[in-house]
Amino acid sequence: MDAFDELDDAALTDRCAAMTTLQRRHAATLALWRLRAPLLMLRLDPEWGLHRTVVERVFRAMILTPGEEESHRAYTEAVAEMVSTPFFTDPEEGELDSIIAEVQVEAMAELEMWNVLDELSAEETERIIRRPREVSGWLDSSMQDSLWDHPAHRAHEQYLATASGQGRGADFSYYSACNLAAEAACHDIVLALPPAAGLLGTAAGREALALCEAFSAELVSTLAWQHNLGH
């Protein structure tokens, strides 16, 4: 599959509709995993009252074996602790004071929605998958508007040159292309998993998590770089 064909609205809609309930949950979990590192590796606003260990517990509980009572209890307890913090109970109004906070809030909004969705519909799954696409597009635009070249801009150009030789990579900027490549690879893995398998239960599932973890770590490095420049 050409990863960049997945950007087509109809293609993604059809793919989400064709997935089983468990496959949708895996695909959405992996999309959120691509936004995970900015919550765990960068400073959270102290006024949110939200410690990164709480967020980590929620993410970890999301990938426990589906359907097991112990897994469900661990997730329920982790989410209950997360949503009891001021970030959720007494959200602040007004503009966010940093680009890092903007990305973190986008990710936290999806984690909160996840709590109320027992079974993900095709539409809900598609919305979650689009979230890292939106963050990637925003980050690409921000880098293009910067007066400074990203420290890894030559490596980014080389990646895009390679991607364009394999499909439609030339149509996208770096983070959008990387996210779409990870997204498509994860969808292929999810569709090939045994029906009752969790993401941690197979080598392929762990590979998908690692792909998303690597992308998420790259987001962190660029967000930190932009923050240090005062963007």
Protein backbone atom coordinates (compact mmCIF):
# COMPACT_ATOMS: atom_id res chain seq x y z
CA MET A 1 0.00 0.00 0.00
CA ASP A 2 1.24 3.51 -0.80
CA ALA A 3 1.27 5.24 2.60
CA PHE A 4 0.36 8.57 1.06
CA ASP A 5 -2.86 7.26 -0.46
CA GLU A 6 -4.16 7.08 3.10
CA LEU A 7 -4.40 10.87 3.16
CA ASP A 8 -7.38 10.59 0.84
CA ASP A 9 -10.53 11.14 2.92
CA ALA A 10 -12.48 8.35 1.28
CA ALA A 11 -9.63 5.85 1.70
CA LEU A 12 -9.32 6.44 5.42
CA THR A 13 -13.09 6.46 5.93
CA ASP A 14 -13.45 3.15 4.09
CA ARG A 15 -10.57 1.58 5.99
CA CYS A 16 -12.00 2.55 9.40
CA ALA A 17 -15.43 1.28 8.38
CA ALA A 18 -13.99 -2.09 7.35
CA MET A 19 -12.16 -2.62 10.66
CA THR A 20 -13.53 -4.72 13.48
CA THR A 21 -14.19 -3.08 16.86
CA LEU A 22 -10.87 -4.37 18.22
CA GLN A 23 -8.96 -3.26 15.13
CA ARG A 24 -10.40 0.24 15.47
CA ARG A 25 -9.29 0.35 19.07
CA HIS A 26 -5.77 -0.73 18.13
CA ALA A 27 -5.55 1.80 15.28
CA ALA A 28 -6.78 4.63 17.52
CA THR A 29 -4.43 3.60 20.33
CA LEU A 30 -1.48 3.74 17.95
CA ALA A 31 -2.56 7.18 16.70
CA LEU A 32 -2.59 8.42 20.31
CA TRP A 33 0.78 6.74 20.86
CA ARG A 34 2.21 9.04 18.20
CA LEU A 35 1.30 11.99 20.46
CA ARG A 36 2.42 10.33 23.69
CA ALA A 37 6.02 11.52 24.14
CA PRO A 38 5.23 15.27 24.37
CA LEU A 39 3.14 14.46 27.46
CA LEU A 40 5.81 12.32 29.10
CA MET A 41 9.11 13.90 28.05
CA LEU A 42 8.27 17.61 28.16
CA ARG A 43 7.26 19.73 31.13
CA LEU A 44 3.54 19.84 31.93
CA ASP A 45 2.05 23.11 33.20
CA PRO A 46 2.15 22.86 37.05
CA GLU A 47 -1.29 24.48 37.27
CA TRP A 48 -2.80 21.49 35.50
CA GLY A 49 -2.07 19.37 38.59
CA LEU A 50 -1.25 16.51 36.25
CA HIS A 51 1.86 14.43 36.85
CA ARG A 52 3.35 12.56 33.92
CA THR A 53 3.25 9.27 35.85
CA VAL A 54 -0.56 9.49 35.83
CA VAL A 55 -0.59 9.96 32.07
CA GLU A 56 1.88 7.10 31.66
CA ARG A 57 -0.43 4.79 33.64
CA VAL A 58 -3.31 5.61 31.28
CA PHE A 59 -1.25 4.88 28.19
CA ARG A 60 0.10 1.65 29.63
CA ALA A 61 -3.39 0.50 30.62
CA MET A 62 -4.62 1.16 27.08
CA ILE A 63 -2.40 -1.57 25.66
CA LEU A 64 -3.08 -4.31 28.19
CA THR A 65 -4.74 -7.46 26.90
CA PRO A 66 -8.28 -6.52 25.78
CA GLY A 67 -11.24 -7.98 27.63
CA GLU A 68 -9.43 -9.09 30.78
CA GLU A 69 -11.02 -7.90 34.03
CA GLU A 70 -7.66 -6.92 35.50
CA SER A 71 -6.85 -4.85 32.40
CA HIS A 72 -10.20 -3.08 32.54
CA ARG A 73 -9.77 -2.29 36.23
CA ALA A 74 -6.25 -0.92 35.71
CA TYR A 75 -7.48 1.34 32.93
CA THR A 76 -10.52 2.55 34.89
CA GLU A 77 -8.40 3.42 37.91
CA ALA A 78 -5.78 5.23 35.84
CA VAL A 79 -8.36 7.31 33.99
CA ALA A 80 -10.22 8.17 37.21
CA GLU A 81 -7.01 9.55 38.68
CA MET A 82 -6.25 11.52 35.52
CA VAL A 83 -9.66 13.20 35.16
CA SER A 84 -9.71 14.23 38.83
CA THR A 85 -6.91 16.75 38.21
CA PRO A 86 -7.52 20.52 37.72
CA PHE A 87 -6.71 20.18 34.02
CA PHE A 88 -10.05 18.37 33.60
CA THR A 89 -12.10 19.60 36.58
CA ASP A 90 -11.22 23.30 36.35
CA PRO A 91 -9.82 24.01 32.86
CA GLU A 92 -8.29 27.42 32.28
CA GLU A 93 -9.69 29.78 29.68
CA GLY A 94 -7.65 31.80 27.22
CA GLU A 95 -4.55 31.38 25.08
CA LEU A 96 -1.93 28.76 25.81
CA ASP A 97 1.50 30.16 26.54
CA SER A 98 3.67 27.78 24.51
CA ILE A 99 3.69 25.56 21.45
CA ILE A 100 4.45 22.61 23.70
CA ALA A 101 1.29 23.22 25.73
CA GLU A 102 -0.80 23.42 22.54
CA VAL A 103 0.29 19.94 21.43
CA GLN A 104 -0.12 18.54 24.94
CA VAL A 105 -3.67 19.87 25.19
CA GLU A 106 -4.56 18.33 21.82
CA ALA A 107 -3.34 14.94 23.04
CA MET A 108 -5.05 15.23 26.44
CA ALA A 109 -8.37 16.09 24.77
CA GLU A 110 -8.28 12.74 22.97
CA LEU A 111 -7.35 10.85 26.14
CA GLU A 112 -10.39 12.36 27.87
CA MET A 113 -12.67 11.37 25.00
CA TRP A 114 -11.22 7.86 25.07
CA ASN A 115 -12.57 7.48 28.62
CA VAL A 116 -16.19 7.80 27.49
CA LEU A 117 -15.96 5.62 24.39
CA ASP A 118 -16.61 1.97 25.26
CA GLU A 119 -16.62 0.96 21.61
CA LEU A 120 -15.10 3.16 18.95
CA SER A 121 -17.23 3.79 15.90
CA ALA A 122 -15.64 4.18 12.49
CA GLU A 123 -16.19 7.94 12.72
CA GLU A 124 -14.60 8.22 16.17
CA THR A 125 -11.62 6.13 15.08
CA GLU A 126 -11.13 8.32 12.02
CA ARG A 127 -11.25 11.47 14.14
CA ILE A 128 -8.56 10.15 16.48
CA ILE A 129 -6.34 9.06 13.58
CA ARG A 130 -6.61 12.54 12.10
CA ARG A 131 -5.33 14.16 15.31
CA PRO A 132 -1.61 13.34 14.76
CA ARG A 133 -2.10 14.34 11.12
CA GLU A 134 -3.27 17.76 12.27
CA VAL A 135 -0.40 18.13 14.75
CA SER A 136 2.10 17.05 12.07
CA GLY A 137 0.73 19.56 9.56
CA TRP A 138 0.83 22.33 12.13
CA LEU A 139 4.41 21.50 13.07
CA ASP A 140 5.48 21.42 9.41
CA SER A 141 3.93 24.84 8.85
CA SER A 142 5.61 26.22 11.94
CA MET A 143 9.01 24.97 10.77
CA GLN A 144 8.49 26.46 7.31
CA ASP A 145 7.66 29.83 8.88
CA SER A 146 10.73 29.77 11.12
CA LEU A 147 13.70 32.01 10.36
CA TRP A 148 15.99 29.16 11.37
CA ASP A 149 16.66 25.85 9.68
CA HIS A 150 15.92 22.79 11.76
CA PRO A 151 19.19 21.14 12.89
CA ALA A 152 18.18 17.98 11.01
CA HIS A 153 16.80 19.69 7.92
CA ARG A 154 19.24 17.92 5.57
CA ALA A 155 18.17 14.53 6.91
CA HIS A 156 14.54 15.62 6.53
CA GLU A 157 15.16 16.58 2.89
CA GLN A 158 16.83 13.24 2.24
CA TYR A 159 13.88 11.37 3.77
CA LEU A 160 11.41 13.27 1.61
CA ALA A 161 13.49 12.66 -1.50
CA THR A 162 13.41 8.93 -0.78
CA ALA A 163 9.70 8.98 0.02
CA SER A 164 8.87 10.83 -3.18
CA GLY A 165 10.59 8.08 -5.14
CA GLN A 166 8.28 5.51 -3.53
CA GLY A 167 4.96 7.29 -3.97
CA ARG A 168 3.53 10.75 -3.32
CA GLY A 169 5.99 11.84 -0.64
CA ALA A 170 6.90 14.97 -2.59
CA ASP A 171 3.40 16.30 -1.87
CA PHE A 172 4.07 16.47 1.90
CA SER A 173 6.41 18.06 4.40
CA TYR A 174 8.54 16.02 6.75
CA TYR A 175 6.35 15.35 9.76
CA SER A 176 3.22 14.82 7.69
CA ALA A 177 5.07 12.28 5.55
CA CYS A 178 6.54 10.48 8.58
CA ASN A 179 3.20 10.30 10.33
CA LEU A 180 1.44 8.94 7.26
CA ALA A 181 4.13 6.31 6.78
CA ALA A 182 3.79 5.20 10.41
CA GLU A 183 -0.01 5.31 10.20
CA ALA A 184 -0.14 3.12 7.10
CA ALA A 185 2.36 0.61 8.52
CA CYS A 186 0.35 0.40 11.73
CA HIS A 187 -2.90 -0.19 9.85
CA ASP A 188 -1.32 -3.06 7.93
CA ILE A 189 -0.08 -4.57 11.19
CA VAL A 190 -3.43 -4.13 12.95
CA LEU A 191 -5.32 -5.81 10.13
CA ALA A 192 -2.93 -8.78 10.23
CA LEU A 193 -3.04 -9.35 14.01
CA PRO A 194 -4.83 -12.47 15.32
CA PRO A 195 -8.46 -11.61 16.20
CA ALA A 196 -8.03 -11.55 20.00
CA ALA A 197 -4.43 -10.33 20.16
CA GLY A 198 -3.38 -7.25 22.09
CA LEU A 199 -0.69 -4.90 20.88
CA LEU A 200 1.78 -6.19 23.47
CA GLY A 201 0.96 -9.81 22.77
CA THR A 202 2.70 -10.15 19.41
CA ALA A 203 5.99 -9.08 17.87
CA ALA A 204 4.07 -7.20 15.16
CA GLY A 205 2.04 -5.28 17.73
CA ARG A 206 5.16 -4.29 19.61
CA GLU A 207 6.73 -3.20 16.30
CA ALA A 208 3.76 -0.89 15.67
CA LEU A 209 4.13 0.66 19.13
CA ALA A 210 7.84 1.17 18.52
CA LEU A 211 7.17 2.92 15.18
CA CYS A 212 4.80 5.32 16.91
CA GLU A 213 7.18 5.82 19.82
CA ALA A 214 9.97 6.81 17.42
CA PHE A 215 7.75 9.32 15.63
CA SER A 216 6.56 10.74 18.95
CA ALA A 217 10.14 11.20 20.16
CA GLU A 218 10.91 13.20 17.01
CA LEU A 219 8.00 15.48 17.80
CA VAL A 220 9.55 16.12 21.20
CA SER A 221 12.92 17.11 19.79
CA THR A 222 11.40 19.61 17.36
CA LEU A 223 8.95 21.04 19.89
CA ALA A 224 11.80 21.58 22.35
CA TRP A 225 13.92 23.20 19.63
CA GLN A 226 11.12 25.56 18.65
CA HIS A 227 10.38 26.39 22.27
CA ASN A 228 14.02 27.29 22.87
CA LEU A 229 13.90 29.62 19.86
CA GLY A 230 10.87 31.37 21.34
CA HIS A 231 8.27 30.13 18.83
